[in-house]
Amino acid sequence: MEQQYIDLYKQHHESIKKHSTGVMNDLRDDAFALFEKLHFPTVALENYKYSDLKAGLSIDYGVNINRIPIPVNPYEVFTCDVPGIHSYLYFVVNDAFYPVKDIRNNSLPEGVIIGSVNQVAETHPELVKQYFGKLSSKKEDGLIAFNGAFAQDGFFMYVPKNVVLDKPVQLVNIMRSDVDFMANSHNLIILEEGAKAQLLVCDHTVDDVRFLSNRVTEVFVSENATYEHYKLENMHVKTTNLATLLIDQQASSNVLANVITLHNGQTRNMVEIDLDGEHCETLLCGMVIGDKNQQVDNFTSIIHNKPNCHSRELFKYVLDDMAKGGFTGKLYVAKDAQKTAAFQTNRNILLSKTAKMRTKPQLEIYADDVKCSHGATIGQLDESAKFYMQARGISGEEARLLLMFAFTNDVIENIRIPALQDRIKLLVEKRLRGELSKCEGCVICQ
């Protein structure tokens, strides 16, 4: 599987670099050397024991190393149907930031920079160089190394000191191709001291071909800054979606990350959050609704490096038919991270005998003055509660839906954008009812 890409890089590395930027190219050869050493990850690796990616990675995908423009204007074909969200709207088409500006983005606060990593690296090289790759280059991971070798662009967002974005930023990743296609992009998000921002990332597919998406996102949250990261996946069943989210928190910062998979083919989310300053607050949560042969693996790691930090983690899965789920959650508390409070919960419901869920909560604690806990459950719907509801005139199917919706509700309640929370409730209800789960306003999905 790896050899075709190793050969591709050796033959065309100059073309790859030519159509990218110096900041990305500075790390490219080292990333390739690491990938050549590690190869693609397999289930033999502890961190990938629940993610068998062989089928998705073995396909001969097209790779757009010469940056040939894709004939689609997402601003014309995509209309977000979240009433009242009024977001700043941006697109990455396959693996390139879409350059056309939209009038709604003209009101960005002074000093905020949003655009292409390539373009911003040309206009603000020192800013990008200060942060780019600082988290990802430290990871001994084949997928991250592969991204470092082949990614040529990505989404960039910078919020300066004490600036508060008045509305969410929405990034829509659209996969579009007439042939089987692979996209690698590298996103960089920077919040300076006291800044506040919300980012909603939506993953969509357009064409009925096989896609592989491998995206790495680095987030730097400075002292007293507040950042919210929402990821909504709604892709077709021929898609392999690999996403890495790396977050670094400084003192007294606040981070919320919420990862929701409504419809997919095969997904692996890796989320790693480093608490590198005192008095950090972290909330990491996620939800999966899977059926048919869909597969979702969430691998998370919250690392407490400093004292007096708090973290909470909550992931819930609802799996039906032949769906497979995996969850690995690691809480790490360093020796000097006294007064840590860290709590992790994973709850799972299997609606069929053929659905499978594997979970592995972990605690690794080296401090002695902490409050930490973890727990996981796998079960079925509460038949006694269902019977109680039926006894009061609610049909069996409706009782089943109400119980499933109630099960997922505490994850949805952790969405702090009211308009988005209302829309996710509706989409989850539709998904649980077996209705088509695409966003109704997305013309390209219809």
Protein backbone atom coordinates (compact mmCIF):
# COMPACT_ATOMS: atom_id res chain seq x y z
CA MET A 1 0.00 0.00 0.00
CA GLU A 2 2.78 2.41 0.89
CA GLN A 3 5.06 1.78 -2.04
CA GLN A 4 3.01 3.61 -4.64
CA TYR A 5 3.14 6.78 -2.53
CA ILE A 6 6.81 6.36 -1.68
CA ASP A 7 7.56 6.10 -5.40
CA LEU A 8 5.27 9.04 -6.14
CA TYR A 9 7.05 11.29 -3.66
CA LYS A 10 10.53 10.34 -4.87
CA GLN A 11 9.57 11.02 -8.49
CA HIS A 12 7.51 14.18 -7.97
CA HIS A 13 8.69 15.81 -4.73
CA GLU A 14 9.85 18.89 -6.64
CA SER A 15 6.36 19.36 -8.12
CA ILE A 16 4.80 18.89 -4.71
CA LYS A 17 7.05 21.60 -3.26
CA LYS A 18 6.59 23.90 -6.25
CA HIS A 19 2.85 24.09 -5.65
CA SER A 20 3.12 24.63 -1.90
CA THR A 21 4.81 27.10 0.43
CA GLY A 22 8.25 27.22 2.03
CA VAL A 23 6.91 26.83 5.56
CA MET A 24 5.30 23.51 4.64
CA ASN A 25 8.22 22.43 2.48
CA ASP A 26 10.71 22.96 5.30
CA LEU A 27 9.20 19.97 7.11
CA ARG A 28 8.25 17.91 4.07
CA ASP A 29 11.34 15.75 3.53
CA ASP A 30 11.59 14.87 7.21
CA ALA A 31 7.92 13.91 7.25
CA PHE A 32 8.41 11.70 4.20
CA ALA A 33 11.43 10.01 5.78
CA LEU A 34 9.33 9.26 8.86
CA PHE A 35 6.49 7.87 6.73
CA GLU A 36 8.95 5.72 4.81
CA LYS A 37 10.07 4.32 8.16
CA LEU A 38 6.65 3.91 9.81
CA HIS A 39 4.41 3.13 6.81
CA PHE A 40 0.64 3.26 7.17
CA PRO A 41 -0.58 2.13 10.61
CA THR A 42 -2.09 -1.32 11.07
CA VAL A 43 -4.11 -3.02 13.79
CA ALA A 44 -0.84 -4.47 15.10
CA LEU A 45 -0.16 -1.04 16.62
CA GLU A 46 -1.74 -0.44 20.01
CA ASN A 47 -3.11 2.96 19.02
CA TYR A 48 -4.79 1.51 15.92
CA LYS A 49 -6.07 -1.80 17.26
CA TYR A 50 -9.68 -0.68 16.61
CA SER A 51 -8.94 0.94 13.22
CA ASP A 52 -8.40 -1.51 10.38
CA LEU A 53 -7.63 0.95 7.57
CA LYS A 54 -6.26 -1.59 5.09
CA ALA A 55 -9.25 -1.57 2.73
CA GLY A 56 -9.48 2.19 2.53
CA LEU A 57 -5.75 2.74 2.10
CA SER A 58 -5.23 0.04 -0.52
CA ILE A 59 -7.24 1.83 -3.23
CA ASP A 60 -5.32 3.55 -6.03
CA TYR A 61 -6.43 7.15 -5.45
CA GLY A 62 -5.76 10.17 -7.58
CA VAL A 63 -3.62 12.89 -5.94
CA ASN A 64 -3.75 16.46 -7.24
CA ILE A 65 -0.10 17.42 -6.73
CA ASN A 66 -0.15 19.99 -9.57
CA ARG A 67 -3.12 21.85 -8.01
CA ILE A 68 -5.41 21.61 -11.05
CA PRO A 69 -8.51 23.73 -10.26
CA ILE A 70 -11.68 21.82 -9.45
CA PRO A 71 -14.66 23.11 -11.51
CA VAL A 72 -17.02 23.91 -8.66
CA ASN A 73 -17.88 27.17 -6.90
CA PRO A 74 -19.02 26.09 -3.44
CA TYR A 75 -20.50 29.50 -2.68
CA GLU A 76 -22.97 28.92 -5.51
CA VAL A 77 -23.92 25.33 -4.72
CA PHE A 78 -23.78 25.29 -0.93
CA THR A 79 -26.36 27.05 1.22
CA CYS A 80 -26.10 26.34 4.93
CA ASP A 81 -29.55 25.67 6.33
CA VAL A 82 -28.81 26.37 9.99
CA PRO A 83 -31.28 29.19 10.75
CA GLY A 84 -29.72 32.07 12.61
CA ILE A 85 -26.12 30.85 12.59
CA HIS A 86 -24.89 33.78 10.42
CA SER A 87 -21.38 32.38 10.21
CA TYR A 88 -18.23 33.50 8.46
CA LEU A 89 -18.22 30.86 5.71
CA TYR A 90 -15.12 29.31 4.09
CA PHE A 91 -14.43 26.24 1.96
CA VAL A 92 -11.68 23.73 1.36
CA VAL A 93 -12.40 21.84 -1.88
CA ASN A 94 -10.64 18.50 -1.62
CA ASP A 95 -7.30 19.69 -0.22
CA ALA A 96 -7.13 23.34 -1.34
CA PHE A 97 -8.57 26.46 0.25
CA TYR A 98 -11.15 27.99 -2.10
CA PRO A 99 -9.86 31.50 -2.91
CA VAL A 100 -13.05 33.34 -3.88
CA LYS A 101 -14.18 35.72 -1.13
CA ASP A 102 -17.75 35.98 0.07
CA ILE A 103 -19.34 39.30 1.02
CA ARG A 104 -20.40 37.99 4.43
CA ASN A 105 -16.72 37.62 5.39
CA ASN A 106 -15.91 41.32 4.85
CA SER A 107 -16.88 42.23 8.42
CA LEU A 108 -14.11 40.28 10.18
CA PRO A 109 -12.75 42.17 13.21
CA GLU A 110 -9.53 44.10 12.67
CA GLY A 111 -6.44 41.93 12.82
CA VAL A 112 -8.21 38.61 12.25
CA ILE A 113 -6.66 36.62 9.41
CA ILE A 114 -8.54 33.77 7.73
CA GLY A 115 -7.45 32.16 4.50
CA SER A 116 -5.18 29.68 2.81
CA VAL A 117 -2.09 28.44 4.65
CA ASN A 118 -0.18 28.94 1.40
CA GLN A 119 -1.31 32.53 0.94
CA VAL A 120 -0.89 33.59 4.56
CA ALA A 121 2.59 32.06 4.63
CA GLU A 122 3.49 34.47 1.81
CA THR A 123 2.00 37.57 3.47
CA HIS A 124 2.79 36.72 7.13
CA PRO A 125 5.69 34.23 6.96
CA GLU A 126 6.97 34.75 10.51
CA LEU A 127 3.52 34.21 12.02
CA VAL A 128 2.96 30.92 10.20
CA LYS A 129 6.52 29.71 10.76
CA GLN A 130 6.23 30.31 14.50
CA TYR A 131 3.45 27.72 14.82
CA PHE A 132 3.22 25.47 11.77
CA GLY A 133 4.16 21.88 12.50
CA LYS A 134 5.14 22.53 16.12
CA LEU A 135 2.68 19.89 17.33
CA SER A 136 2.43 17.51 14.38
CA SER A 137 6.17 17.12 13.78
CA LYS A 138 6.56 15.61 17.26
CA LYS A 139 4.19 12.71 16.55
CA GLU A 140 5.47 9.26 15.61
CA ASP A 141 2.39 8.47 13.54
CA GLY A 142 2.29 7.21 9.97
CA LEU A 143 -0.85 9.11 8.95
CA ILE A 144 0.45 12.40 10.33
CA ALA A 145 3.81 11.84 8.62
CA PHE A 146 2.03 11.04 5.35
CA ASN A 147 0.08 14.28 5.67
CA GLY A 148 3.29 16.19 6.27
CA ALA A 149 4.78 14.74 3.10
CA PHE A 150 1.83 15.33 0.78
CA ALA A 151 -0.33 18.18 2.16
CA GLN A 152 0.13 21.34 0.06
CA ASP A 153 -2.44 23.69 1.56
CA GLY A 154 -5.02 24.07 4.29
CA PHE A 155 -7.20 26.44 6.29
CA PHE A 156 -5.61 29.18 8.40
CA MET A 157 -7.21 31.25 11.17
CA TYR A 158 -5.53 33.81 13.42
CA VAL A 159 -7.32 35.78 16.15
CA PRO A 160 -5.16 38.50 17.77
CA LYS A 161 -4.94 39.44 21.44
CA ASN A 162 -8.26 40.13 23.20
CA VAL A 163 -10.28 39.98 19.95
CA VAL A 164 -13.65 38.23 20.18
CA LEU A 165 -15.25 36.88 17.01
CA ASP A 166 -18.88 37.98 17.06
CA LYS A 167 -20.13 34.91 15.19
CA PRO A 168 -18.86 31.40 14.42
CA VAL A 169 -16.46 30.59 11.62
CA GLN A 170 -17.73 27.75 9.44
CA LEU A 171 -15.28 25.65 7.43
CA VAL A 172 -16.83 23.26 4.92
CA ASN A 173 -14.58 20.50 3.57
CA ILE A 174 -16.03 19.35 0.25
CA MET A 175 -14.78 16.24 -1.53
CA ARG A 176 -15.35 16.54 -5.29
CA SER A 177 -13.95 14.31 -8.05
CA ASP A 178 -14.91 12.20 -11.06
CA VAL A 179 -12.43 9.47 -10.05
CA ASP A 180 -11.35 7.90 -6.77
CA PHE A 181 -9.50 10.68 -4.97
CA MET A 182 -7.30 11.39 -1.95
CA ALA A 183 -7.07 14.75 -0.16
CA ASN A 184 -4.42 15.79 2.37
CA SER A 185 -4.69 19.19 4.03
CA HIS A 186 -3.05 20.81 7.05
CA ASN A 187 -4.98 23.42 9.03
CA LEU A 188 -3.49 25.94 11.46
CA ILE A 189 -5.51 27.88 14.07
CA ILE A 190 -3.99 30.44 16.44
CA LEU A 191 -5.71 32.32 19.26
CA GLU A 192 -3.62 34.91 21.01
CA GLU A 193 -3.99 35.91 24.67
CA GLY A 194 -7.60 36.64 25.67
CA ALA A 195 -9.03 35.87 22.22
CA LYS A 196 -12.32 34.02 21.68
CA ALA A 197 -13.47 32.05 18.64
CA GLN A 198 -15.84 29.27 17.58
CA LEU A 199 -15.10 27.03 14.59
CA LEU A 200 -17.60 24.66 12.99
CA VAL A 201 -16.02 22.12 10.61
CA CYS A 202 -18.43 20.33 8.26
CA ASP A 203 -17.28 17.36 6.17
CA HIS A 204 -19.26 16.66 2.96
CA THR A 205 -18.87 14.46 -0.12
CA VAL A 206 -20.34 15.26 -3.54
CA ASP A 207 -19.66 12.55 -6.10
CA ASP A 208 -20.32 8.82 -5.98
CA VAL A 209 -16.67 7.74 -6.04
CA ARG A 210 -14.31 6.51 -3.33
CA PHE A 211 -12.64 9.25 -1.30
CA LEU A 212 -9.89 9.27 1.29
CA SER A 213 -9.52 12.39 3.39
CA ASN A 214 -6.48 12.79 5.66
CA ARG A 215 -6.56 16.14 7.50
CA VAL A 216 -4.35 17.43 10.30
CA THR A 217 -5.40 20.45 12.38
CA GLU A 218 -3.08 22.23 14.83
CA VAL A 219 -4.67 24.60 17.34
CA PHE A 220 -2.79 26.96 19.68
CA VAL A 221 -4.88 28.50 22.47
CA SER A 222 -2.94 31.15 24.36
CA GLU A 223 -3.34 32.34 27.94
CA ASN A 224 -6.93 33.28 28.92
CA ALA A 225 -8.18 32.47 25.41
CA THR A 226 -11.42 30.57 24.73
CA TYR A 227 -11.82 28.22 21.78
CA GLU A 228 -14.72 25.99 20.65
CA HIS A 229 -14.20 23.36 17.97
CA TYR A 230 -17.20 21.55 16.47
CA LYS A 231 -16.72 18.83 13.85
CA LEU A 232 -19.78 17.50 12.04
CA GLU A 233 -19.26 14.55 9.70
CA ASN A 234 -21.96 13.76 7.14
CA MET A 235 -20.27 11.82 4.33
CA HIS A 236 -21.28 8.95 2.08
CA VAL A 237 -20.39 5.33 2.70
CA LYS A 238 -17.54 5.18 0.16
CA THR A 239 -15.48 7.67 2.17
CA THR A 240 -12.53 6.95 4.45
CA ASN A 241 -12.21 10.00 6.70
CA LEU A 242 -9.03 10.35 8.79
CA ALA A 243 -8.84 13.43 11.00
CA THR A 244 -6.18 14.50 13.51
CA LEU A 245 -6.88 17.38 15.90
CA LEU A 246 -3.96 18.58 18.04
CA ILE A 247 -4.62 21.32 20.61
CA ASP A 248 -2.15 23.11 22.86
CA GLN A 249 -3.61 25.05 25.81
CA GLN A 250 -1.81 27.71 27.82
CA ALA A 251 -2.64 29.01 31.32
CA SER A 252 -6.28 29.77 32.17
CA SER A 253 -7.47 28.90 28.67
CA ASN A 254 -10.80 27.22 27.98
CA VAL A 255 -11.39 24.66 25.21
CA LEU A 256 -14.50 22.80 24.09
CA ALA A 257 -14.15 20.16 21.37
CA ASN A 258 -17.25 18.32 20.14
CA VAL A 259 -16.90 15.64 17.45
CA ILE A 260 -20.15 14.34 15.90
CA THR A 261 -20.44 11.61 13.26
CA LEU A 262 -23.92 11.33 11.77
CA HIS A 263 -23.19 9.41 8.57
CA ASN A 264 -19.98 7.97 7.16
CA GLY A 265 -18.13 5.09 5.58
CA GLN A 266 -15.06 4.59 7.76
CA THR A 267 -13.85 7.24 10.20
CA ARG A 268 -10.93 7.62 12.54
CA ASN A 269 -10.72 10.73 14.67
CA MET A 270 -7.58 11.36 16.71
CA VAL A 271 -7.89 14.18 19.26
CA GLU A 272 -4.97 15.09 21.50
CA ILE A 273 -5.14 18.02 23.92
CA ASP A 274 -2.10 19.19 25.90
CA LEU A 275 -2.76 21.30 29.00
CA ASP A 276 0.49 23.23 29.22
CA GLY A 277 -0.49 25.96 31.69
CA GLU A 278 -2.18 26.15 35.07
CA HIS A 279 -5.93 26.55 35.50
CA CYS A 280 -6.89 25.21 32.07
CA GLU A 281 -10.46 24.03 31.47
CA THR A 282 -11.15 21.34 28.87
CA LEU A 283 -14.37 19.68 27.71
CA LEU A 284 -14.03 17.00 25.05
CA CYS A 285 -17.12 15.18 23.86
CA GLY A 286 -18.45 13.31 20.87
CA MET A 287 -21.29 11.27 19.48
CA VAL A 288 -21.60 8.55 16.84
CA ILE A 289 -24.70 7.23 15.11
CA GLY A 290 -23.82 4.26 12.94
CA ASP A 291 -25.65 1.57 11.00
CA LYS A 292 -25.20 -0.70 7.98
CA ASN A 293 -21.44 -1.41 7.70
CA GLN A 294 -20.21 1.95 8.92
CA GLN A 295 -17.12 2.12 11.13
CA VAL A 296 -16.09 4.87 13.56
CA ASP A 297 -13.06 4.95 15.84
CA ASN A 298 -12.35 7.85 18.18
CA PHE A 299 -8.88 7.91 19.73
CA THR A 300 -8.48 10.65 22.33
CA SER A 301 -5.75 11.82 24.68
CA ILE A 302 -5.91 14.57 27.30
CA ILE A 303 -2.50 15.29 28.80
CA HIS A 304 -2.31 17.23 32.07
CA ASN A 305 1.18 18.71 32.26
CA LYS A 306 0.52 21.49 34.79
CA PRO A 307 -1.31 21.69 38.15
CA ASN A 308 -4.82 22.99 38.90
CA CYS A 309 -6.38 21.98 35.57
CA HIS A 310 -9.81 20.44 34.98
CA SER A 311 -10.94 18.21 32.11
CA ARG A 312 -14.12 16.32 31.30
CA GLU A 313 -14.64 13.84 28.49
CA LEU A 314 -17.89 12.27 27.26
CA PHE A 315 -18.39 10.06 24.20
CA LYS A 316 -21.58 8.21 23.23
CA TYR A 317 -22.28 5.70 20.45
CA VAL A 318 -25.55 4.34 19.02
CA LEU A 319 -24.81 1.41 16.68
CA ASP A 320 -27.20 -0.70 14.60
CA ASP A 321 -26.99 -3.40 11.91
CA MET A 322 -23.32 -4.36 11.25
CA ALA A 323 -21.82 -1.08 12.41
CA LYS A 324 -18.53 -1.12 14.30
CA GLY A 325 -17.38 1.39 16.89
CA GLY A 326 -14.12 1.92 18.72
CA PHE A 327 -13.17 4.28 21.52
CA THR A 328 -9.79 4.70 23.17
CA GLY A 329 -9.57 7.49 25.72
CA LYS A 330 -6.36 8.27 27.57
CA LEU A 331 -6.04 10.60 30.55
CA TYR A 332 -2.44 11.36 31.46
CA VAL A 333 -1.47 13.28 34.59
CA ALA A 334 2.19 14.28 34.86
CA LYS A 335 4.14 14.19 38.14
CA ASP A 336 3.90 17.94 38.72
CA ALA A 337 0.23 18.23 37.72
CA GLN A 338 -1.13 18.30 41.28
CA LYS A 339 -4.74 19.34 42.00
CA THR A 340 -5.84 17.85 38.67
CA ALA A 341 -9.51 16.98 38.21
CA ALA A 342 -10.09 14.74 35.19
CA PHE A 343 -13.17 12.66 34.40
CA GLN A 344 -13.86 10.44 31.41
CA THR A 345 -17.05 8.62 30.39
CA ASN A 346 -17.92 6.41 27.42
CA ARG A 347 -21.49 5.10 27.02
CA ASN A 348 -22.63 2.84 24.16
CA ILE A 349 -25.90 1.34 22.96
CA LEU A 350 -26.04 -1.59 20.54
CA LEU A 351 -29.38 -1.92 18.76
CA SER A 352 -28.61 -5.24 17.04
CA LYS A 353 -26.79 -8.46 17.86
CA THR A 354 -24.41 -7.88 14.96
CA ALA A 355 -23.26 -4.36 15.91
CA LYS A 356 -19.87 -4.27 17.63
CA MET A 357 -18.32 -1.83 20.09
CA ARG A 358 -14.83 -1.94 21.59
CA THR A 359 -13.81 0.53 24.25
CA LYS A 360 -10.61 1.15 26.15
CA PRO A 361 -10.61 3.91 28.78
CA GLN A 362 -7.19 4.57 30.32
CA LEU A 363 -5.78 6.47 33.29
CA GLU A 364 -2.06 7.14 33.67
CA ILE A 365 -1.41 9.14 36.82
CA TYR A 366 1.95 10.20 38.28
CA ALA A 367 0.71 12.89 40.71
CA ASP A 368 -0.71 12.03 44.15
CA ASP A 369 -3.16 14.88 44.81
CA VAL A 370 -5.74 14.42 42.06
CA LYS A 371 -9.38 13.56 41.42
CA CYS A 372 -9.67 11.30 38.38
CA SER A 373 -12.12 8.70 37.15
CA HIS A 374 -13.05 6.83 34.01
CA GLY A 375 -15.83 4.47 33.04
CA ALA A 376 -17.38 2.71 30.06
CA THR A 377 -20.60 0.79 29.47
CA ILE A 378 -21.96 -1.21 26.54
CA GLY A 379 -25.60 -2.27 26.57
CA GLN A 380 -29.02 -2.16 24.96
CA LEU A 381 -31.97 0.16 25.33
CA ASP A 382 -33.74 0.03 28.69
CA GLU A 383 -36.67 -2.30 27.97
CA SER A 384 -38.38 -1.41 31.25
CA ALA A 385 -38.37 2.28 30.32
CA LYS A 386 -39.68 1.40 26.88
CA PHE A 387 -42.46 -0.71 28.41
CA TYR A 388 -43.33 2.13 30.81
CA MET A 389 -43.70 4.55 27.90
CA GLN A 390 -45.79 2.09 25.88
CA ALA A 391 -48.08 1.61 28.85
CA ARG A 392 -48.85 5.32 28.62
CA GLY A 393 -49.87 5.24 24.97
CA ILE A 394 -46.55 5.82 23.21
CA SER A 395 -45.92 3.43 20.33
CA GLY A 396 -43.01 1.02 20.57
CA GLU A 397 -41.10 2.66 17.73
CA GLU A 398 -41.63 6.17 19.10
CA ALA A 399 -40.57 5.04 22.58
CA ARG A 400 -37.42 3.56 21.08
CA LEU A 401 -36.63 6.83 19.29
CA LEU A 402 -37.27 8.92 22.40
CA LEU A 403 -34.92 6.75 24.46
CA MET A 404 -32.16 6.98 21.84
CA PHE A 405 -32.55 10.74 21.53
CA ALA A 406 -32.46 11.15 25.32
CA PHE A 407 -29.29 9.04 25.38
CA THR A 408 -27.49 11.40 22.98
CA ASN A 409 -28.91 14.64 24.35
CA ASP A 410 -26.20 15.49 26.89
CA VAL A 411 -23.60 15.54 24.09
CA ILE A 412 -25.82 17.85 22.03
CA GLU A 413 -26.36 20.11 25.05
CA ASN A 414 -22.61 20.78 25.03
CA ILE A 415 -22.99 22.71 21.77
CA ARG A 416 -22.78 26.37 22.79
CA ILE A 417 -24.06 27.83 19.53
CA PRO A 418 -27.86 27.84 19.98
CA ALA A 419 -28.72 27.76 16.28
CA LEU A 420 -26.32 24.88 15.68
CA GLN A 421 -27.59 22.99 18.70
CA ASP A 422 -31.18 23.19 17.43
CA ARG A 423 -30.12 22.02 13.98
CA ILE A 424 -28.08 19.11 15.31
CA LYS A 425 -31.09 17.99 17.36
CA LEU A 426 -33.16 17.86 14.17
CA LEU A 427 -30.45 16.06 12.19
CA VAL A 428 -29.96 13.51 14.97
CA GLU A 429 -33.69 12.86 15.11
CA LYS A 430 -33.78 12.34 11.35
CA ARG A 431 -30.77 10.06 11.52
CA LEU A 432 -32.30 7.96 14.28
CA ARG A 433 -35.49 7.65 12.24
CA GLY A 434 -33.47 6.33 9.31
CA GLU A 435 -34.16 9.36 7.13
CA LEU A 436 -31.54 10.79 4.81
CA SER A 437 -29.17 12.70 7.05
CA LYS A 438 -27.65 15.28 4.72
CA CYS A 439 -27.99 18.99 5.43
CA GLU A 440 -31.05 20.06 3.47
CA GLY A 441 -29.47 23.30 2.31
CA CYS A 442 -26.49 21.62 0.68
CA VAL A 443 -27.43 21.59 -3.00
CA ILE A 444 -24.42 19.50 -3.94
CA CYS A 445 -25.55 16.72 -1.59
CA GLN A 446 -29.01 16.47 -3.12
